[in-house]
C-alpha atoms as a PDB file:
ATOM      1  CA  UNK A   1     -71.413  97.861 -25.099  1.00  0.00           C
ATOM      2  CA  UNK A   2     -75.157  99.346 -23.543  1.00  0.00           C
ATOM      3  CA  UNK A   3     -78.412  99.706 -25.445  1.00  0.00           C
ATOM      4  CA  UNK A   4     -77.869 103.357 -23.969  1.00  0.00           C
ATOM      5  CA  UNK A   5     -74.556 103.890 -25.906  1.00  0.00           C
ATOM      6  CA  UNK A   6     -75.476 102.497 -29.177  1.00  0.00           C
ATOM      7  CA  UNK A   7     -76.237 105.246 -31.923  1.00  0.00           C
ATOM      8  CA  UNK A   8     -79.495 106.610 -32.829  1.00  0.00           C
ATOM      9  CA  UNK A   9     -80.521 105.616 -36.423  1.00  0.00           C
ATOM     10  CA  UNK A  10     -82.939 107.646 -38.079  1.00  0.00           C
ATOM     11  CA  UNK A  11     -83.403 104.133 -39.918  1.00  0.00           C
ATOM     12  CA  UNK A  12     -83.742 100.736 -38.880  1.00  0.00           C
ATOM     13  CA  UNK A  13     -83.405  97.206 -40.671  1.00  0.00           C
ATOM     14  CA  UNK A  14     -87.123  95.474 -40.974  1.00  0.00           C
ATOM     15  CA  UNK A  15     -87.138  91.668 -40.385  1.00  0.00           C
ATOM     16  CA  UNK A  16     -90.705  90.300 -41.105  1.00  0.00           C
ATOM     17  CA  UNK A  17     -91.559  87.055 -39.461  1.00  0.00           C
ATOM     18  CA  UNK A  18     -94.267  84.998 -40.795  1.00  0.00           C
ATOM     19  CA  UNK A  19     -96.826  83.781 -37.356  1.00  0.00           C
ATOM     20  CA  UNK A  20     -97.968  80.554 -38.109  1.00  0.00           C
ATOM     21  CA  UNK A  21    -101.437  79.204 -36.836  1.00  0.00           C
ATOM     22  CA  UNK A  22    -100.066  75.954 -35.202  1.00  0.00           C
ATOM     23  CA  UNK A  23     -98.904  78.106 -32.116  1.00  0.00           C
ATOM     24  CA  UNK A  24     -97.733  75.096 -30.381  1.00  0.00           C
ATOM     25  CA  UNK A  25     -95.390  73.647 -33.256  1.00  0.00           C
ATOM     26  CA  UNK A  26     -92.247  73.185 -31.533  1.00  0.00           C
ATOM     27  CA  UNK A  27     -90.271  73.596 -35.284  1.00  0.00           C
ATOM     28  CA  UNK A  28     -91.458  76.939 -35.135  1.00  0.00           C
ATOM     29  CA  UNK A  29     -90.218  77.714 -31.380  1.00  0.00           C
ATOM     30  CA  UNK A  30     -86.754  76.840 -31.909  1.00  0.00           C
ATOM     31  CA  UNK A  31     -86.468  78.952 -35.552  1.00  0.00           C
ATOM     32  CA  UNK A  32     -87.714  81.981 -33.813  1.00  0.00           C
ATOM     33  CA  UNK A  33     -85.460  81.445 -30.869  1.00  0.00           C
ATOM     34  CA  UNK A  34     -82.236  80.552 -32.982  1.00  0.00           C
ATOM     35  CA  UNK A  35     -83.787  83.973 -34.819  1.00  0.00           C
ATOM     36  CA  UNK A  36     -83.599  86.245 -31.425  1.00  0.00           C
ATOM     37  CA  UNK A  37     -80.145  84.405 -30.609  1.00  0.00           C
ATOM     38  CA  UNK A  38     -78.844  85.850 -34.032  1.00  0.00           C
ATOM     39  CA  UNK A  39     -79.885  89.326 -33.332  1.00  0.00           C
ATOM     40  CA  UNK A  40     -78.863  89.622 -29.667  1.00  0.00           C
ATOM     41  CA  UNK A  41     -75.325  88.667 -31.180  1.00  0.00           C
ATOM     42  CA  UNK A  42     -75.800  90.810 -33.778  1.00  0.00           C
ATOM     43  CA  UNK A  43     -76.085  93.614 -31.190  1.00  0.00           C
ATOM     44  CA  UNK A  44     -78.020  96.110 -33.370  1.00  0.00           C
ATOM     45  CA  UNK A  45     -81.301  97.570 -33.571  1.00  0.00           C
ATOM     46  CA  UNK A  46     -83.542  95.143 -36.209  1.00  0.00           C
ATOM     47  CA  UNK A  47     -87.306  95.827 -36.314  1.00  0.00           C
ATOM     48  CA  UNK A  48     -89.870  92.767 -36.231  1.00  0.00           C
ATOM     49  CA  UNK A  49     -92.566  92.906 -37.783  1.00  0.00           C
ATOM     50  CA  UNK A  50     -94.872  89.664 -37.492  1.00  0.00           C
ATOM     51  CA  UNK A  51     -96.884  88.931 -40.364  1.00  0.00           C
ATOM     52  CA  UNK A  52     -99.579  86.392 -39.810  1.00  0.00           C
ATOM     53  CA  UNK A  53     -99.933  83.914 -41.967  1.00  0.00           C
ATOM     54  CA  UNK A  54    -102.544  81.501 -42.259  1.00  0.00           C
ATOM     55  CA  UNK A  55    -102.868  79.886 -46.360  1.00  0.00           C
ATOM     56  CA  UNK A  56    -106.720  79.667 -45.835  1.00  0.00           C
ATOM     57  CA  UNK A  57    -107.103  83.451 -45.791  1.00  0.00           C
ATOM     58  CA  UNK A  58    -106.137  83.152 -49.842  1.00  0.00           C
ATOM     59  CA  UNK A  59    -108.746  80.526 -50.818  1.00  0.00           C
ATOM     60  CA  UNK A  60    -110.066  81.161 -54.126  1.00  0.00           C
ATOM     61  CA  UNK A  61    -113.626  81.697 -54.701  1.00  0.00           C
ATOM     62  CA  UNK A  62    -116.563  80.072 -56.285  1.00  0.00           C
ATOM     63  CA  UNK A  63    -116.221  82.457 -59.319  1.00  0.00           C
ATOM     64  CA  UNK A  64    -112.930  81.285 -59.805  1.00  0.00           C
ATOM     65  CA  UNK A  65    -113.192  77.397 -59.684  1.00  0.00           C
ATOM     66  CA  UNK A  66    -114.059  75.035 -61.985  1.00  0.00           C
ATOM     67  CA  UNK A  67    -117.715  73.551 -61.934  1.00  0.00           C
ATOM     68  CA  UNK A  68    -116.348  69.857 -62.359  1.00  0.00           C
ATOM     69  CA  UNK A  69    -113.596  67.851 -63.585  1.00  0.00           C
ATOM     70  CA  UNK A  70    -114.909  67.917 -66.749  1.00  0.00           C
ATOM     71  CA  UNK A  71    -114.665  64.290 -67.113  1.00  0.00           C
ATOM     72  CA  UNK A  72    -117.800  62.955 -69.179  1.00  0.00           C
ATOM     73  CA  UNK A  73    -119.146  59.459 -66.994  1.00  0.00           C
ATOM     74  CA  UNK A  74    -118.417  56.147 -68.253  1.00  0.00           C
ATOM     75  CA  UNK A  75    -121.947  54.769 -68.209  1.00  0.00           C
ATOM     76  CA  UNK A  76    -125.788  55.976 -68.527  1.00  0.00           C
ATOM     77  CA  UNK A  77    -126.254  54.670 -64.939  1.00  0.00           C
ATOM     78  CA  UNK A  78    -123.809  57.301 -63.440  1.00  0.00           C
ATOM     79  CA  UNK A  79    -126.726  59.393 -64.650  1.00  0.00           C
ATOM     80  CA  UNK A  80    -129.326  57.539 -64.114  1.00  0.00           C
ATOM     81  CA  UNK A  81    -129.302  56.743 -60.110  1.00  0.00           C
ATOM     82  CA  UNK A  82    -128.051  59.777 -59.081  1.00  0.00           C
ATOM     83  CA  UNK A  83    -131.283  61.392 -60.498  1.00  0.00           C
ATOM     84  CA  UNK A  84    -133.336  58.706 -59.549  1.00  0.00           C
ATOM     85  CA  UNK A  85    -132.021  59.362 -55.605  1.00  0.00           C
ATOM     86  CA  UNK A  86    -132.415  63.352 -56.176  1.00  0.00           C
ATOM     87  CA  UNK A  87    -136.087  62.886 -57.395  1.00  0.00           C
ATOM     88  CA  UNK A  88    -137.078  60.681 -54.274  1.00  0.00           C
ATOM     89  CA  UNK A  89    -135.631  62.548 -52.181  1.00  0.00           C
ATOM     90  CA  UNK A  90    -136.800  65.779 -52.945  1.00  0.00           C
ATOM     91  CA  UNK A  91    -140.306  64.045 -52.850  1.00  0.00           C
ATOM     92  CA  UNK A  92    -139.594  63.081 -49.360  1.00  0.00           C
ATOM     93  CA  UNK A  93    -138.214  66.805 -48.421  1.00  0.00           C
ATOM     94  CA  UNK A  94    -139.480  68.921 -50.504  1.00  0.00           C
ATOM     95  CA  UNK A  95    -140.516  71.347 -47.247  1.00  0.00           C
ATOM     96  CA  UNK A  96    -137.289  71.072 -46.287  1.00  0.00           C
ATOM     97  CA  UNK A  97    -134.811  73.548 -47.083  1.00  0.00           C
ATOM     98  CA  UNK A  98    -131.966  72.543 -45.423  1.00  0.00           C
ATOM     99  CA  UNK A  99    -130.073  69.683 -47.314  1.00  0.00           C
ATOM    100  CA  UNK A 100    -128.243  69.458 -50.789  1.00  0.00           C
ATOM    101  CA  UNK A 101    -127.736  67.048 -52.554  1.00  0.00           C
ATOM    102  CA  UNK A 102    -124.839  67.038 -55.415  1.00  0.00           C
ATOM    103  CA  UNK A 103    -124.330  65.095 -58.557  1.00  0.00           C
ATOM    104  CA  UNK A 104    -121.289  64.693 -60.489  1.00  0.00           C
ATOM    105  CA  UNK A 105    -119.926  68.210 -59.053  1.00  0.00           C
ATOM    106  CA  UNK A 106    -117.049  69.636 -57.558  1.00  0.00           C
ATOM    107  CA  UNK A 107    -116.249  69.148 -54.098  1.00  0.00           C
ATOM    108  CA  UNK A 108    -113.564  71.778 -53.083  1.00  0.00           C
ATOM    109  CA  UNK A 109    -111.555  71.284 -50.131  1.00  0.00           C
ATOM    110  CA  UNK A 110    -108.341  72.061 -47.938  1.00  0.00           C
ATOM    111  CA  UNK A 111    -107.438  68.649 -46.680  1.00  0.00           C
ATOM    112  CA  UNK A 112    -105.815  67.894 -49.681  1.00  0.00           C
ATOM    113  CA  UNK A 113    -102.610  69.211 -51.439  1.00  0.00           C
ATOM    114  CA  UNK A 114    -104.222  72.043 -53.634  1.00  0.00           C
ATOM    115  CA  UNK A 115    -107.831  73.636 -52.580  1.00  0.00           C
ATOM    116  CA  UNK A 116    -108.159  74.434 -56.480  1.00  0.00           C
ATOM    117  CA  UNK A 117    -108.446  70.471 -57.401  1.00  0.00           C
ATOM    118  CA  UNK A 118    -112.030  69.035 -56.451  1.00  0.00           C
ATOM    119  CA  UNK A 119    -112.743  65.514 -55.522  1.00  0.00           C
ATOM    120  CA  UNK A 120    -115.962  64.802 -57.920  1.00  0.00           C
ATOM    121  CA  UNK A 121    -118.107  62.252 -56.841  1.00  0.00           C
ATOM    122  CA  UNK A 122    -121.145  60.424 -58.767  1.00  0.00           C
ATOM    123  CA  UNK A 123    -123.297  62.211 -56.346  1.00  0.00           C
ATOM    124  CA  UNK A 124    -123.132  63.623 -52.370  1.00  0.00           C
ATOM    125  CA  UNK A 125    -125.377  64.805 -49.459  1.00  0.00           C
ATOM    126  CA  UNK A 126    -125.027  67.669 -47.254  1.00  0.00           C
ATOM    127  CA  UNK A 127    -127.582  68.291 -44.538  1.00  0.00           C
ATOM    128  CA  UNK A 128    -127.449  71.900 -42.108  1.00  0.00           C
ATOM    129  CA  UNK A 129    -126.216  73.761 -45.662  1.00  0.00           C
ATOM    130  CA  UNK A 130    -129.342  76.105 -47.721  1.00  0.00           C
ATOM    131  CA  UNK A 131    -130.892  73.974 -50.793  1.00  0.00           C
ATOM    132  CA  UNK A 132    -129.778  77.417 -53.078  1.00  0.00           C
ATOM    133  CA  UNK A 133    -126.651  79.484 -52.121  1.00  0.00           C
ATOM    134  CA  UNK A 134    -127.754  82.882 -51.896  1.00  0.00           C
ATOM    135  CA  UNK A 135    -130.727  81.923 -53.688  1.00  0.00           C
ATOM    136  CA  UNK A 136    -128.690  80.937 -56.439  1.00  0.00           C
ATOM    137  CA  UNK A 137    -127.736  77.391 -58.241  1.00  0.00           C
ATOM    138  CA  UNK A 138    -124.580  76.053 -56.634  1.00  0.00           C
ATOM    139  CA  UNK A 139    -121.669  75.534 -59.737  1.00  0.00           C
ATOM    140  CA  UNK A 140    -119.544  73.787 -57.257  1.00  0.00           C
ATOM    141  CA  UNK A 141    -119.838  72.969 -53.064  1.00  0.00           C
ATOM    142  CA  UNK A 142    -117.005  74.647 -51.796  1.00  0.00           C
ATOM    143  CA  UNK A 143    -116.623  73.656 -47.729  1.00  0.00           C
ATOM    144  CA  UNK A 144    -115.478  77.315 -47.016  1.00  0.00           C
ATOM    145  CA  UNK A 145    -118.355  79.066 -48.649  1.00  0.00           C
ATOM    146  CA  UNK A 146    -120.173  76.621 -46.384  1.00  0.00           C
ATOM    147  CA  UNK A 147    -119.374  76.700 -42.978  1.00  0.00           C
ATOM    148  CA  UNK A 148    -117.160  73.967 -43.621  1.00  0.00           C
ATOM    149  CA  UNK A 149    -120.060  71.444 -43.407  1.00  0.00           C
ATOM    150  CA  UNK A 150    -118.707  68.402 -45.103  1.00  0.00           C
ATOM    151  CA  UNK A 151    -121.039  65.962 -47.228  1.00  0.00           C
ATOM    152  CA  UNK A 152    -122.388  63.424 -44.796  1.00  0.00           C
ATOM    153  CA  UNK A 153    -123.205  60.663 -47.944  1.00  0.00           C
ATOM    154  CA  UNK A 154    -121.213  60.261 -50.508  1.00  0.00           C
ATOM    155  CA  UNK A 155    -121.555  57.799 -53.535  1.00  0.00           C
ATOM    156  CA  UNK A 156    -119.522  56.222 -56.600  1.00  0.00           C
ATOM    157  CA  UNK A 157    -120.341  54.299 -59.243  1.00  0.00           C
ATOM    158  CA  UNK A 158    -117.564  51.870 -60.508  1.00  0.00           C
ATOM    159  CA  UNK A 159    -117.406  52.358 -64.396  1.00  0.00           C
ATOM    160  CA  UNK A 160    -115.457  50.241 -67.008  1.00  0.00           C
ATOM    161  CA  UNK A 161    -112.598  53.000 -66.002  1.00  0.00           C
ATOM    162  CA  UNK A 162    -111.648  51.987 -62.614  1.00  0.00           C
ATOM    163  CA  UNK A 163    -111.513  55.604 -60.898  1.00  0.00           C
ATOM    164  CA  UNK A 164    -109.404  54.206 -57.477  1.00  0.00           C
ATOM    165  CA  UNK A 165    -113.113  54.029 -55.381  1.00  0.00           C
ATOM    166  CA  UNK A 166    -111.747  51.587 -53.027  1.00  0.00           C
ATOM    167  CA  UNK A 167    -108.135  52.929 -52.730  1.00  0.00           C
ATOM    168  CA  UNK A 168    -107.281  56.760 -53.430  1.00  0.00           C
ATOM    169  CA  UNK A 169    -110.609  57.990 -52.838  1.00  0.00           C
ATOM    170  CA  UNK A 170    -111.819  55.998 -50.178  1.00  0.00           C
ATOM    171  CA  UNK A 171    -108.373  57.664 -48.139  1.00  0.00           C
ATOM    172  CA  UNK A 172    -109.270  61.066 -49.338  1.00  0.00           C
ATOM    173  CA  UNK A 173    -113.036  61.117 -48.379  1.00  0.00           C
ATOM    174  CA  UNK A 174    -112.040  59.700 -45.480  1.00  0.00           C
ATOM    175  CA  UNK A 175    -109.486  62.494 -44.649  1.00  0.00           C
ATOM    176  CA  UNK A 176    -112.450  65.256 -45.523  1.00  0.00           C
ATOM    177  CA  UNK A 177    -114.572  63.228 -42.760  1.00  0.00           C
ATOM    178  CA  UNK A 178    -117.385  62.110 -44.843  1.00  0.00           C
ATOM    179  CA  UNK A 179    -119.829  60.085 -42.535  1.00  0.00           C
ATOM    180  CA  UNK A 180    -120.792  57.490 -45.093  1.00  0.00           C
ATOM    181  CA  UNK A 181    -119.435  56.395 -48.005  1.00  0.00           C
ATOM    182  CA  UNK A 182    -121.034  54.136 -50.326  1.00  0.00           C
ATOM    183  CA  UNK A 183    -119.787  52.445 -53.858  1.00  0.00           C
ATOM    184  CA  UNK A 184    -121.927  50.743 -56.136  1.00  0.00           C
ATOM    185  CA  UNK A 185    -120.487  48.035 -58.565  1.00  0.00           C
ATOM    186  CA  UNK A 186    -122.630  46.508 -60.812  1.00  0.00           C
ATOM    187  CA  UNK A 187    -121.202  45.526 -63.412  1.00  0.00           C
ATOM    188  CA  UNK A 188    -117.154  45.471 -62.761  1.00  0.00           C
ATOM    189  CA  UNK A 189    -117.772  43.735 -59.027  1.00  0.00           C
ATOM    190  CA  UNK A 190    -115.430  40.617 -59.397  1.00  0.00           C
ATOM    191  CA  UNK A 191    -113.211  42.474 -61.839  1.00  0.00           C
ATOM    192  CA  UNK A 192    -112.300  44.090 -58.303  1.00  0.00           C
ATOM    193  CA  UNK A 193    -112.515  41.443 -56.034  1.00  0.00           C
ATOM    194  CA  UNK A 194    -115.548  43.209 -54.312  1.00  0.00           C
ATOM    195  CA  UNK A 195    -119.324  43.000 -53.646  1.00  0.00           C
ATOM    196  CA  UNK A 196    -121.558  44.888 -55.662  1.00  0.00           C
ATOM    197  CA  UNK A 197    -123.153  47.018 -52.947  1.00  0.00           C
ATOM    198  CA  UNK A 198    -121.066  48.373 -50.095  1.00  0.00           C
ATOM    199  CA  UNK A 199    -121.645  51.031 -47.285  1.00  0.00           C
ATOM    200  CA  UNK A 200    -119.121  52.452 -44.922  1.00  0.00           C
ATOM    201  CA  UNK A 201    -119.400  54.681 -42.189  1.00  0.00           C
ATOM    202  CA  UNK A 202    -116.053  56.512 -40.941  1.00  0.00           C
ATOM    203  CA  UNK A 203    -115.175  55.607 -37.341  1.00  0.00           C
ATOM    204  CA  UNK A 204    -112.094  56.959 -35.713  1.00  0.00           C
ATOM    205  CA  UNK A 205    -110.613  58.245 -39.306  1.00  0.00           C
ATOM    206  CA  UNK A 206    -111.165  54.704 -40.791  1.00  0.00           C
ATOM    207  CA  UNK A 207    -113.866  53.259 -42.899  1.00  0.00           C
ATOM    208  CA  UNK A 208    -115.523  50.114 -41.331  1.00  0.00           C
ATOM    209  CA  UNK A 209    -117.975  48.065 -43.728  1.00  0.00           C
ATOM    210  CA  UNK A 210    -121.496  47.826 -42.586  1.00  0.00           C
ATOM    211  CA  UNK A 211    -123.564  44.823 -43.655  1.00  0.00           C
ATOM    212  CA  UNK A 212    -126.915  44.332 -44.963  1.00  0.00           C
ATOM    213  CA  UNK A 213    -129.327  45.666 -48.300  1.00  0.00           C
ATOM    214  CA  UNK A 214    -130.648  48.058 -47.265  1.00  0.00           C
ATOM    215  CA  UNK A 215    -128.666  50.044 -44.576  1.00  0.00           C
ATOM    216  CA  UNK A 216    -129.709  52.312 -41.942  1.00  0.00           C
ATOM    217  CA  UNK A 217    -127.814  55.405 -41.651  1.00  0.00           C
ATOM    218  CA  UNK A 218    -129.159  56.818 -37.946  1.00  0.00           C
ATOM    219  CA  UNK A 219    -127.561  60.016 -38.623  1.00  0.00           C
ATOM    220  CA  UNK A 220    -128.992  61.405 -42.223  1.00  0.00           C
ATOM    221  CA  UNK A 221    -132.169  59.447 -41.175  1.00  0.00           C
ATOM    222  CA  UNK A 222    -132.426  57.234 -44.472  1.00  0.00           C
ATOM    223  CA  UNK A 223    -131.420  54.016 -45.546  1.00  0.00           C
ATOM    224  CA  UNK A 224    -129.319  53.278 -48.945  1.00  0.00           C
ATOM    225  CA  UNK A 225    -130.143  49.519 -50.805  1.00  0.00           C
ATOM    226  CA  UNK A 226    -130.437  47.998 -54.281  1.00  0.00           C
ATOM    227  CA  UNK A 227    -133.979  46.870 -55.894  1.00  0.00           C
ATOM    228  CA  UNK A 228    -134.664  45.614 -59.181  1.00  0.00           C
ATOM    229  CA  UNK A 229    -137.227  47.596 -60.278  1.00  0.00           C
ATOM    230  CA  UNK A 230    -139.189  48.927 -63.311  1.00  0.00           C
ATOM    231  CA  UNK A 231    -138.554  52.889 -63.506  1.00  0.00           C
ATOM    232  CA  UNK A 232    -139.587  54.434 -66.781  1.00  0.00           C
ATOM    233  CA  UNK A 233    -140.005  51.135 -68.475  1.00  0.00           C
ATOM    234  CA  UNK A 234    -136.737  50.450 -67.500  1.00  0.00           C
ATOM    235  CA  UNK A 235    -136.134  46.567 -66.147  1.00  0.00           C
ATOM    236  CA  UNK A 236    -132.576  46.669 -63.850  1.00  0.00           C
ATOM    237  CA  UNK A 237    -131.698  47.137 -60.114  1.00  0.00           C
ATOM    238  CA  UNK A 238    -131.009  50.321 -58.912  1.00  0.00           C
ATOM    239  CA  UNK A 239    -130.448  52.199 -55.686  1.00  0.00           C
ATOM    240  CA  UNK A 240    -133.212  53.633 -53.711  1.00  0.00           C
ATOM    241  CA  UNK A 241    -133.680  55.279 -50.376  1.00  0.00           C
ATOM    242  CA  UNK A 242    -135.760  53.269 -47.423  1.00  0.00           C
ATOM    243  CA  UNK A 243    -137.233  54.048 -44.062  1.00  0.00           C
ATOM    244  CA  UNK A 244    -135.738  52.639 -40.723  1.00  0.00           C
ATOM    245  CA  UNK A 245    -137.896  49.581 -41.337  1.00  0.00           C
ATOM    246  CA  UNK A 246    -136.588  48.953 -44.533  1.00  0.00           C
ATOM    247  CA  UNK A 247    -139.742  49.682 -46.309  1.00  0.00           C
ATOM    248  CA  UNK A 248    -138.583  51.318 -49.691  1.00  0.00           C
ATOM    249  CA  UNK A 249    -139.687  55.213 -50.790  1.00  0.00           C
ATOM    250  CA  UNK A 250    -141.540  55.396 -53.860  1.00  0.00           C
ATOM    251  CA  UNK A 251    -140.212  56.783 -57.126  1.00  0.00           C
ATOM    252  CA  UNK A 252    -142.182  60.491 -58.064  1.00  0.00           C
ATOM    253  CA  UNK A 253    -143.701  58.250 -61.240  1.00  0.00           C
ATOM    254  CA  UNK A 254    -144.668  55.554 -58.718  1.00  0.00           C
ATOM    255  CA  UNK A 255    -146.242  58.142 -55.913  1.00  0.00           C
ATOM    256  CA  UNK A 256    -148.687  59.239 -59.133  1.00  0.00           C
ATOM    257  CA  UNK A 257    -149.951  55.996 -60.127  1.00  0.00           C
ATOM    258  CA  UNK A 258    -150.514  54.969 -56.516  1.00  0.00           C
ATOM    259  CA  UNK A 259    -152.689  59.013 -56.876  1.00  0.00           C
ATOM    260  CA  UNK A 260    -154.164  58.141 -59.773  1.00  0.00           C
ATOM    261  CA  UNK A 261    -155.569  54.330 -58.496  1.00  0.00           C
ATOM    262  CA  UNK A 262    -156.671  55.725 -55.121  1.00  0.00           C
ATOM    263  CA  UNK A 263    -158.832  58.027 -57.805  1.00  0.00           C
ATOM    264  CA  UNK A 264    -160.089  55.038 -60.001  1.00  0.00           C
ATOM    265  CA  UNK A 265    -161.114  52.928 -57.123  1.00  0.00           C
ATOM    266  CA  UNK A 266    -162.906  56.008 -55.476  1.00  0.00           C
ATOM    267  CA  UNK A 267    -164.443  56.700 -58.679  1.00  0.00           C
ATOM    268  CA  UNK A 268    -165.481  53.017 -59.108  1.00  0.00           C
ATOM    269  CA  UNK A 269    -166.670  52.974 -55.521  1.00  0.00           C
ATOM    270  CA  UNK A 270    -169.580  56.168 -55.446  1.00  0.00           C
ATOM    271  CA  UNK A 271    -170.836  54.878 -58.763  1.00  0.00           C
ATOM    272  CA  UNK A 272    -171.710  51.725 -56.838  1.00  0.00           C
ATOM    273  CA  UNK A 273    -173.284  53.690 -54.626  1.00  0.00           C
ATOM    274  CA  UNK A 274    -175.203  55.414 -57.599  1.00  0.00           C
ATOM    275  CA  UNK A 275    -173.577  58.494 -57.316  1.00  0.00           C
ATOM    276  CA  UNK A 276    -172.057  60.249 -60.640  1.00  0.00           C
ATOM    277  CA  UNK A 277    -168.629  61.609 -59.284  1.00  0.00           C
ATOM    278  CA  UNK A 278    -168.719  64.455 -62.259  1.00  0.00           C
ATOM    279  CA  UNK A 279    -171.749  65.980 -60.336  1.00  0.00           C
ATOM    280  CA  UNK A 280    -169.902  66.440 -57.028  1.00  0.00           C
END
């Protein structure tokens, strides 16, 4: 029976077929070929509507997602160190608006099994994104609302409750494409059979350990390292930013103290010359 001899129908069956974004997927090609072969055997008219399917089109907005994983930190150091790094960075890059430093904030991404499930590092740094999102503070970091700019730096601080920092999280950050992954484990490194300070760089999809303390990260133009110091009358080892020569950047408190000492030195010099600085 020829196509011209088929009875004309007013309505035809409609078959909707998902058109996947993976155009060269051989499984999809074979499935479509089998479908058309079956239609040919039936010798009937069927309207085929190709429906473009892409799960990324249905991603949730920031209003639909949680701010973080709502898990309380185990140790005060998980609050102290990220905030210290942010304060120093804000002092260094205060005139820049192309970076964002997140603290205990969910990163929502599409490299896992569910885009509604975030990964929440203790801190992370993203470059090439505005400090403010639409002139507002962020409640979370959502990759599809950040032009898919992945954080360049992620920090995990190991606490009493082990959080898979050397296992699952390392795999997740590598899959996400985070360039530098820092694990700080000052109290439980012997338990975990690691060193207290470890920096990893992503190379060919896997993390390679970098040696040194501090460690220079040229793509970020910052170094990261540890030092025992007095911070707000609190003496212990903390994490700091460093320059390319290995010099530690000062904290805001140290910067203020240095400026005050310089002012006092200038005042003493003027008085030694018989000049009253209060009359200048």
